[in-house]
Amino acid sequence: MLLKSIILTACTLVATKEMTNLIPKTPWVAPIKTEIAVVKDLNANTKSYIYFSLVTGKEVPAADAKTKNWDIAFSKTTIATNSGTSGPGEGGAIVLEKPFDQVSEAPKDGYKTDGDAGYAIPGGSGNSWYKYDMSVHAILPIPGRTLLIKTATGKVAKVEIISYYKGAPEDVPTEESSYYTFRYTIAGEDGKF
């Protein structure tokens, strides 16, 4: 009985080993990790709007304001998207009360566009990405707020405003204002960051 059990186990092991050689080997592919870009001191103080492409990571000339070449535009504390009354793109935005690092997927719906009633990213202290701190007379990003920006071509980026002051000082801002420092990444085709 014991000998019969040993022979049966040995045959099973040989068969299993031979069968695994018949199964095609598929290499394991790690999920694509999107890169996080950091933009420092984008000057939104010198022109009516400074246009920026999240896709290329570069400023766009004001002459291209009526094109799909830009995704987001800054003027003082106002942020416009290439959508609705601001541009011809498929842009829009959602303001999330969730930290940048905890946003792992872009929703498919719910994006607001710029229009006559206001911008997709609302202005005013406490309404979207910043608060005005009266005690230090400074515009400070609200911790835990992430902007989801739909680009002019319909891709989605998550954006975190880090600072509104030149040099992104950690202490009470004493530097020039309207210099945006922010980080962002664009979701993959699967909508994940």
Protein backbone atom coordinates (compact mmCIF):
# COMPACT_ATOMS: atom_id res chain seq x y z
CA MET A 1 0.00 0.00 0.00
CA LEU A 2 2.82 2.36 0.91
CA LEU A 3 4.69 1.48 -2.29
CA LYS A 4 1.56 2.13 -4.38
CA SER A 5 1.17 5.58 -2.76
CA ILE A 6 4.83 6.50 -3.41
CA ILE A 7 4.60 5.46 -7.08
CA LEU A 8 1.35 7.41 -7.55
CA THR A 9 2.89 10.56 -5.97
CA ALA A 10 6.02 10.26 -8.15
CA CYS A 11 3.94 9.92 -11.32
CA THR A 12 1.89 12.95 -10.35
CA LEU A 13 5.05 15.04 -9.78
CA VAL A 14 6.53 14.01 -13.15
CA ALA A 15 3.27 14.73 -14.95
CA THR A 16 2.94 18.12 -13.28
CA LYS A 17 6.51 19.10 -14.18
CA GLU A 18 6.05 18.05 -17.82
CA MET A 19 2.71 19.85 -18.04
CA THR A 20 4.14 23.17 -16.79
CA ASN A 21 6.59 23.10 -19.72
CA LEU A 22 3.58 23.06 -22.06
CA ILE A 23 2.07 26.25 -20.59
CA PRO A 24 3.31 29.34 -22.49
CA LYS A 25 5.30 31.65 -20.27
CA THR A 26 3.94 35.19 -20.14
CA PRO A 27 6.39 37.73 -18.78
CA TRP A 28 5.17 39.79 -15.84
CA VAL A 29 4.80 43.41 -16.80
CA ALA A 30 4.88 46.04 -14.08
CA PRO A 31 2.12 48.64 -14.25
CA ILE A 32 3.25 51.90 -15.86
CA LYS A 33 4.02 54.51 -13.22
CA THR A 34 3.21 57.98 -14.42
CA GLU A 35 5.80 60.66 -13.81
CA ILE A 36 5.12 63.64 -11.60
CA ALA A 37 6.20 66.95 -13.08
CA VAL A 38 6.94 69.99 -10.94
CA VAL A 39 6.54 73.49 -12.37
CA LYS A 40 8.31 76.22 -10.41
CA ASP A 41 7.51 79.92 -10.39
CA LEU A 42 5.13 80.10 -13.36
CA ASN A 43 4.62 83.86 -13.52
CA ALA A 44 0.89 84.64 -13.63
CA ASN A 45 1.48 88.29 -12.78
CA THR A 46 2.79 89.84 -15.99
CA LYS A 47 0.05 89.13 -18.53
CA SER A 48 -3.71 88.86 -18.48
CA TYR A 49 -3.30 85.05 -18.63
CA ILE A 50 -0.33 82.74 -18.81
CA TYR A 51 -1.24 79.62 -20.80
CA PHE A 52 0.26 76.24 -20.04
CA SER A 53 0.14 72.81 -21.66
CA LEU A 54 0.07 69.99 -19.13
CA VAL A 55 0.73 67.54 -21.97
CA THR A 56 3.98 69.19 -23.14
CA GLY A 57 4.92 70.75 -19.80
CA LYS A 58 5.51 74.13 -21.40
CA GLU A 59 4.10 77.64 -21.52
CA VAL A 60 2.00 78.41 -24.58
CA PRO A 61 1.99 81.83 -26.28
CA ALA A 62 -1.08 84.03 -25.71
CA ALA A 63 -1.53 84.03 -29.50
CA ASP A 64 -2.67 80.39 -29.12
CA ALA A 65 -5.47 81.25 -26.65
CA LYS A 66 -8.17 80.26 -29.15
CA THR A 67 -6.56 76.88 -29.91
CA LYS A 68 -6.33 73.48 -28.22
CA ASN A 69 -2.59 73.99 -27.61
CA TRP A 70 -3.09 74.82 -23.92
CA ASP A 71 -4.83 73.09 -21.02
CA ILE A 72 -4.77 75.49 -18.09
CA ALA A 73 -4.34 79.26 -17.78
CA PHE A 74 -3.45 81.41 -14.76
CA SER A 75 -4.20 85.05 -13.94
CA LYS A 76 -3.50 86.04 -10.34
CA THR A 77 -5.64 83.54 -8.32
CA THR A 78 -7.91 82.67 -11.26
CA ILE A 79 -7.35 79.35 -13.03
CA ALA A 80 -9.11 78.75 -16.36
CA THR A 81 -9.42 75.49 -18.29
CA ASN A 82 -9.50 75.13 -22.05
CA SER A 83 -13.27 74.69 -22.09
CA GLY A 84 -16.56 76.53 -22.48
CA THR A 85 -16.13 80.31 -22.59
CA SER A 86 -12.36 80.11 -22.01
CA GLY A 87 -11.32 78.00 -24.99
CA PRO A 88 -12.32 75.52 -27.71
CA GLY A 89 -10.91 72.46 -25.95
CA GLU A 90 -12.53 69.49 -24.22
CA GLY A 91 -11.22 70.75 -20.85
CA GLY A 92 -12.85 71.07 -17.48
CA ALA A 93 -12.09 70.50 -13.81
CA ILE A 94 -13.12 68.94 -10.54
CA VAL A 95 -11.88 70.21 -7.18
CA LEU A 96 -11.34 67.25 -4.84
CA GLU A 97 -11.04 67.44 -1.07
CA LYS A 98 -8.49 64.65 -1.16
CA PRO A 99 -4.67 64.74 -0.93
CA PHE A 100 -2.74 64.51 -4.21
CA ASP A 101 -1.00 61.24 -3.24
CA GLN A 102 -4.34 59.58 -2.41
CA VAL A 103 -5.93 60.31 -5.80
CA SER A 104 -5.27 57.13 -7.77
CA GLU A 105 -7.92 57.24 -10.48
CA ALA A 106 -9.63 59.92 -12.56
CA PRO A 107 -13.43 59.86 -12.56
CA LYS A 108 -15.01 59.63 -16.00
CA ASP A 109 -17.71 62.23 -15.28
CA GLY A 110 -18.41 65.30 -13.16
CA TYR A 111 -16.05 67.80 -14.77
CA LYS A 112 -17.29 71.39 -14.85
CA THR A 113 -16.43 73.73 -17.69
CA ASP A 114 -15.73 77.45 -17.71
CA GLY A 115 -18.89 79.39 -18.46
CA ASP A 116 -20.87 82.56 -17.93
CA ALA A 117 -21.66 81.47 -14.36
CA GLY A 118 -17.95 81.16 -13.52
CA TYR A 119 -14.88 79.04 -13.90
CA ALA A 120 -14.68 75.26 -13.49
CA ILE A 121 -12.22 75.98 -10.67
CA PRO A 122 -14.13 78.51 -8.53
CA GLY A 123 -12.41 81.67 -7.34
CA GLY A 124 -12.49 83.17 -3.88
CA SER A 125 -10.98 82.23 -0.57
CA GLY A 126 -11.93 78.72 0.56
CA ASN A 127 -13.87 77.91 -2.64
CA SER A 128 -11.30 75.73 -4.38
CA TRP A 129 -7.52 75.53 -4.03
CA TYR A 130 -6.63 78.45 -1.72
CA LYS A 131 -7.62 80.47 1.31
CA TYR A 132 -6.69 84.03 2.13
CA ASP A 133 -5.09 84.11 5.56
CA MET A 134 -5.95 87.51 7.07
CA SER A 135 -3.48 87.11 9.94
CA VAL A 136 -0.49 87.09 7.57
CA HIS A 137 -2.17 88.62 4.49
CA ALA A 138 -1.25 85.69 2.29
CA ILE A 139 -2.84 83.37 -0.24
CA LEU A 140 -2.16 79.83 0.93
CA PRO A 141 -3.02 76.53 -0.78
CA ILE A 142 -5.55 74.51 1.21
CA PRO A 143 -3.92 71.26 2.33
CA GLY A 144 -5.57 68.15 0.93
CA ARG A 145 -7.04 69.82 -2.16
CA THR A 146 -6.36 68.32 -5.56
CA LEU A 147 -7.48 69.71 -8.90
CA LEU A 148 -8.44 67.24 -11.59
CA ILE A 149 -7.95 69.03 -14.89
CA LYS A 150 -9.28 67.66 -18.12
CA THR A 151 -6.88 68.71 -20.86
CA ALA A 152 -7.92 70.30 -24.14
CA THR A 153 -7.81 66.85 -25.76
CA GLY A 154 -9.71 65.05 -22.97
CA LYS A 155 -6.87 63.50 -20.94
CA VAL A 156 -7.00 64.01 -17.17
CA ALA A 157 -4.26 65.41 -14.96
CA LYS A 158 -4.19 65.69 -11.19
CA VAL A 159 -2.68 68.97 -10.02
CA GLU A 160 -1.60 70.21 -6.61
CA ILE A 161 -0.82 73.89 -6.12
CA ILE A 162 2.22 74.04 -3.82
CA SER A 163 2.77 77.78 -3.60
CA TYR A 164 1.53 81.11 -4.92
CA TYR A 165 4.77 82.95 -4.10
CA LYS A 166 8.09 83.27 -5.91
CA GLY A 167 10.55 80.68 -4.70
CA ALA A 168 7.81 78.70 -2.92
CA PRO A 169 8.84 79.85 0.59
CA GLU A 170 7.89 77.55 3.46
CA ASP A 171 7.40 80.38 5.94
CA VAL A 172 4.92 83.23 5.72
CA PRO A 173 5.19 84.46 2.14
CA THR A 174 7.22 87.63 1.86
CA GLU A 175 8.15 87.18 -1.77
CA GLU A 176 6.39 88.34 -4.92
CA SER A 177 2.96 86.83 -5.51
CA SER A 178 1.30 85.20 -8.54
CA TYR A 179 4.22 82.81 -9.11
CA TYR A 180 2.68 79.35 -9.20
CA THR A 181 4.62 76.29 -8.11
CA PHE A 182 2.64 73.13 -8.68
CA ARG A 183 3.04 69.44 -9.36
CA TYR A 184 0.99 67.28 -11.66
CA THR A 185 0.75 63.99 -13.47
CA ILE A 186 -1.46 62.81 -16.32
CA ALA A 187 -3.55 59.64 -15.99
CA GLY A 188 -2.84 56.72 -18.28
CA GLU A 189 -5.29 55.40 -20.83
CA ASP A 190 -6.87 53.33 -18.04
CA GLY A 191 -7.63 56.53 -16.06
CA LYS A 192 -5.17 55.64 -13.28
CA PHE A 193 -2.40 57.82 -11.91
